[in-house]
Amino acid sequence: AEALVVISDATLVGLRSAERNNALAEELDIKIKKRLLVINRVTPGDADKEARKDSGLEYIGSIPEDRQIEEISLNGGSLLTLKNDAVSIAALRKLGERIWS
């Protein structure tokens, strides 16, 4: 595989799960060129750098908490209605550049 992209929240449980997913890929002897970590729903001061290092994955960035997504979800709407200027969309574009470069 070209890349394993693991998405986690900033909690210790989430980061341990990310680490376990990476270890499982190794145990299954899956050939992966890039092993990447993205932290989702980040608020200021969330992700601990030491915990990210321990995952064995290359941290490439985060997706911030996005009020627009919360509103859409609470109202049962579709994420396809998310506006192009949403903070999460901007973050995803940057992450995409890092993943496919």
C-alpha atoms as a PDB file:
ATOM      1  CA  ALA A   1       0.000   0.000   0.000  1.00  0.00           C
ATOM      2  CA  GLU A   2       1.145   3.530  -0.670  1.00  0.00           C
ATOM      3  CA  ALA A   3      -0.027   4.909   2.684  1.00  0.00           C
ATOM      4  CA  LEU A   4      -1.740   4.013   5.923  1.00  0.00           C
ATOM      5  CA  VAL A   5      -3.559   7.082   7.208  1.00  0.00           C
ATOM      6  CA  VAL A   6      -4.805   6.663  10.766  1.00  0.00           C
ATOM      7  CA  ILE A   7      -7.292   9.240  12.049  1.00  0.00           C
ATOM      8  CA  SER A   8      -7.509   9.655  15.826  1.00  0.00           C
ATOM      9  CA  ASP A   9      -8.801  12.121  18.316  1.00  0.00           C
ATOM     10  CA  ALA A  10      -6.338  13.673  20.748  1.00  0.00           C
ATOM     11  CA  THR A  11      -7.237  11.413  23.672  1.00  0.00           C
ATOM     12  CA  LEU A  12      -4.773   8.886  25.042  1.00  0.00           C
ATOM     13  CA  VAL A  13      -7.248   6.104  24.205  1.00  0.00           C
ATOM     14  CA  GLY A  14      -7.500   7.333  20.611  1.00  0.00           C
ATOM     15  CA  LEU A  15      -3.738   7.603  20.226  1.00  0.00           C
ATOM     16  CA  ARG A  16      -3.221   4.128  21.684  1.00  0.00           C
ATOM     17  CA  SER A  17      -5.759   2.795  19.183  1.00  0.00           C
ATOM     18  CA  ALA A  18      -3.812   4.491  16.381  1.00  0.00           C
ATOM     19  CA  GLU A  19      -0.630   2.843  17.651  1.00  0.00           C
ATOM     20  CA  ARG A  20      -2.396  -0.534  17.729  1.00  0.00           C
ATOM     21  CA  ASN A  21      -3.658  -0.104  14.148  1.00  0.00           C
ATOM     22  CA  ASN A  22      -0.104   0.568  13.025  1.00  0.00           C
ATOM     23  CA  ALA A  23       1.191  -2.466  14.942  1.00  0.00           C
ATOM     24  CA  LEU A  24      -1.539  -4.649  13.441  1.00  0.00           C
ATOM     25  CA  ALA A  25      -0.511  -3.625   9.928  1.00  0.00           C
ATOM     26  CA  GLU A  26       3.062  -4.632  10.809  1.00  0.00           C
ATOM     27  CA  GLU A  27       1.928  -7.967  12.294  1.00  0.00           C
ATOM     28  CA  LEU A  28      -0.009  -8.708   9.115  1.00  0.00           C
ATOM     29  CA  ASP A  29       3.157  -7.893   7.156  1.00  0.00           C
ATOM     30  CA  ILE A  30       1.409  -5.296   5.025  1.00  0.00           C
ATOM     31  CA  LYS A  31       3.984  -3.389   3.002  1.00  0.00           C
ATOM     32  CA  ILE A  32       3.239   0.290   3.558  1.00  0.00           C
ATOM     33  CA  LYS A  33       5.414   3.118   2.269  1.00  0.00           C
ATOM     34  CA  LYS A  34       4.045   5.889   4.501  1.00  0.00           C
ATOM     35  CA  ARG A  35       2.438   5.491   7.941  1.00  0.00           C
ATOM     36  CA  LEU A  36       0.625   8.713   8.772  1.00  0.00           C
ATOM     37  CA  LEU A  37      -1.318  10.094  11.719  1.00  0.00           C
ATOM     38  CA  VAL A  38      -4.019  12.773  11.605  1.00  0.00           C
ATOM     39  CA  ILE A  39      -5.619  14.120  14.782  1.00  0.00           C
ATOM     40  CA  ASN A  40      -9.304  14.979  14.358  1.00  0.00           C
ATOM     41  CA  ARG A  41     -11.538  17.479  16.212  1.00  0.00           C
ATOM     42  CA  VAL A  42      -8.588  19.326  17.710  1.00  0.00           C
ATOM     43  CA  THR A  43      -9.164  22.228  20.047  1.00  0.00           C
ATOM     44  CA  PRO A  44      -6.359  24.531  21.221  1.00  0.00           C
ATOM     45  CA  GLY A  45      -3.906  22.689  23.489  1.00  0.00           C
ATOM     46  CA  ASP A  46      -5.222  19.200  22.614  1.00  0.00           C
ATOM     47  CA  ALA A  47      -2.685  16.900  21.026  1.00  0.00           C
ATOM     48  CA  ASP A  48       0.297  15.910  23.188  1.00  0.00           C
ATOM     49  CA  LYS A  49       3.482  15.728  21.112  1.00  0.00           C
ATOM     50  CA  GLU A  50       5.003  12.912  23.175  1.00  0.00           C
ATOM     51  CA  ALA A  51       1.934  10.717  22.748  1.00  0.00           C
ATOM     52  CA  ARG A  52       2.022  11.307  18.987  1.00  0.00           C
ATOM     53  CA  LYS A  53       5.692  10.261  18.825  1.00  0.00           C
ATOM     54  CA  ASP A  54       4.924   6.985  20.585  1.00  0.00           C
ATOM     55  CA  SER A  55       2.408   5.946  17.932  1.00  0.00           C
ATOM     56  CA  GLY A  56       5.096   4.979  15.413  1.00  0.00           C
ATOM     57  CA  LEU A  57       3.229   7.030  12.821  1.00  0.00           C
ATOM     58  CA  GLU A  58       4.345  10.241  11.161  1.00  0.00           C
ATOM     59  CA  TYR A  59       2.146  13.044  12.440  1.00  0.00           C
ATOM     60  CA  ILE A  60       1.134  15.133   9.422  1.00  0.00           C
ATOM     61  CA  GLY A  61      -1.418  17.492  10.939  1.00  0.00           C
ATOM     62  CA  SER A  62      -4.802  17.929  12.451  1.00  0.00           C
ATOM     63  CA  ILE A  63      -8.386  18.766  11.612  1.00  0.00           C
ATOM     64  CA  PRO A  64      -9.779  21.383  13.984  1.00  0.00           C
ATOM     65  CA  GLU A  65     -13.115  21.157  15.728  1.00  0.00           C
ATOM     66  CA  ASP A  66     -15.597  22.653  13.266  1.00  0.00           C
ATOM     67  CA  ARG A  67     -18.802  24.245  14.470  1.00  0.00           C
ATOM     68  CA  GLN A  68     -20.330  23.931  10.977  1.00  0.00           C
ATOM     69  CA  ILE A  69     -19.964  20.141  11.091  1.00  0.00           C
ATOM     70  CA  GLU A  70     -21.501  20.020  14.553  1.00  0.00           C
ATOM     71  CA  GLU A  71     -24.477  22.093  13.382  1.00  0.00           C
ATOM     72  CA  ILE A  72     -25.009  19.904  10.319  1.00  0.00           C
ATOM     73  CA  SER A  73     -24.790  16.733  12.416  1.00  0.00           C
ATOM     74  CA  LEU A  74     -27.160  18.002  15.095  1.00  0.00           C
ATOM     75  CA  ASN A  75     -29.718  18.870  12.434  1.00  0.00           C
ATOM     76  CA  GLY A  76     -29.392  15.549  10.603  1.00  0.00           C
ATOM     77  CA  GLY A  77     -27.991  17.230   7.492  1.00  0.00           C
ATOM     78  CA  SER A  78     -25.466  16.105   4.953  1.00  0.00           C
ATOM     79  CA  LEU A  79     -21.776  17.011   5.126  1.00  0.00           C
ATOM     80  CA  LEU A  80     -22.061  17.736   1.414  1.00  0.00           C
ATOM     81  CA  THR A  81     -23.650  21.040   2.478  1.00  0.00           C
ATOM     82  CA  LEU A  82     -20.483  22.073   4.317  1.00  0.00           C
ATOM     83  CA  LYS A  83     -19.282  25.416   3.000  1.00  0.00           C
ATOM     84  CA  ASN A  84     -15.957  25.645   1.171  1.00  0.00           C
ATOM     85  CA  ASP A  85     -14.658  28.167   3.702  1.00  0.00           C
ATOM     86  CA  ALA A  86     -15.076  25.738   6.624  1.00  0.00           C
ATOM     87  CA  VAL A  87     -11.950  25.375   8.783  1.00  0.00           C
ATOM     88  CA  SER A  88     -12.106  21.595   8.411  1.00  0.00           C
ATOM     89  CA  ILE A  89     -12.105  21.828   4.609  1.00  0.00           C
ATOM     90  CA  ALA A  90      -9.004  24.048   4.646  1.00  0.00           C
ATOM     91  CA  ALA A  91      -7.251  21.576   6.958  1.00  0.00           C
ATOM     92  CA  LEU A  92      -8.216  18.623   4.744  1.00  0.00           C
ATOM     93  CA  ARG A  93      -6.789  20.345   1.684  1.00  0.00           C
ATOM     94  CA  LYS A  94      -3.437  20.833   3.463  1.00  0.00           C
ATOM     95  CA  LEU A  95      -3.446  17.231   4.673  1.00  0.00           C
ATOM     96  CA  GLY A  96      -4.214  15.979   1.178  1.00  0.00           C
ATOM     97  CA  GLU A  97      -1.178  17.806  -0.157  1.00  0.00           C
ATOM     98  CA  ARG A  98       1.007  16.105   2.466  1.00  0.00           C
ATOM     99  CA  ILE A  99      -0.472  12.661   1.886  1.00  0.00           C
ATOM    100  CA  TRP A 100      -0.143  12.686  -1.912  1.00  0.00           C
ATOM    101  CA  SER A 101       3.206  14.459  -2.149  1.00  0.00           C
END
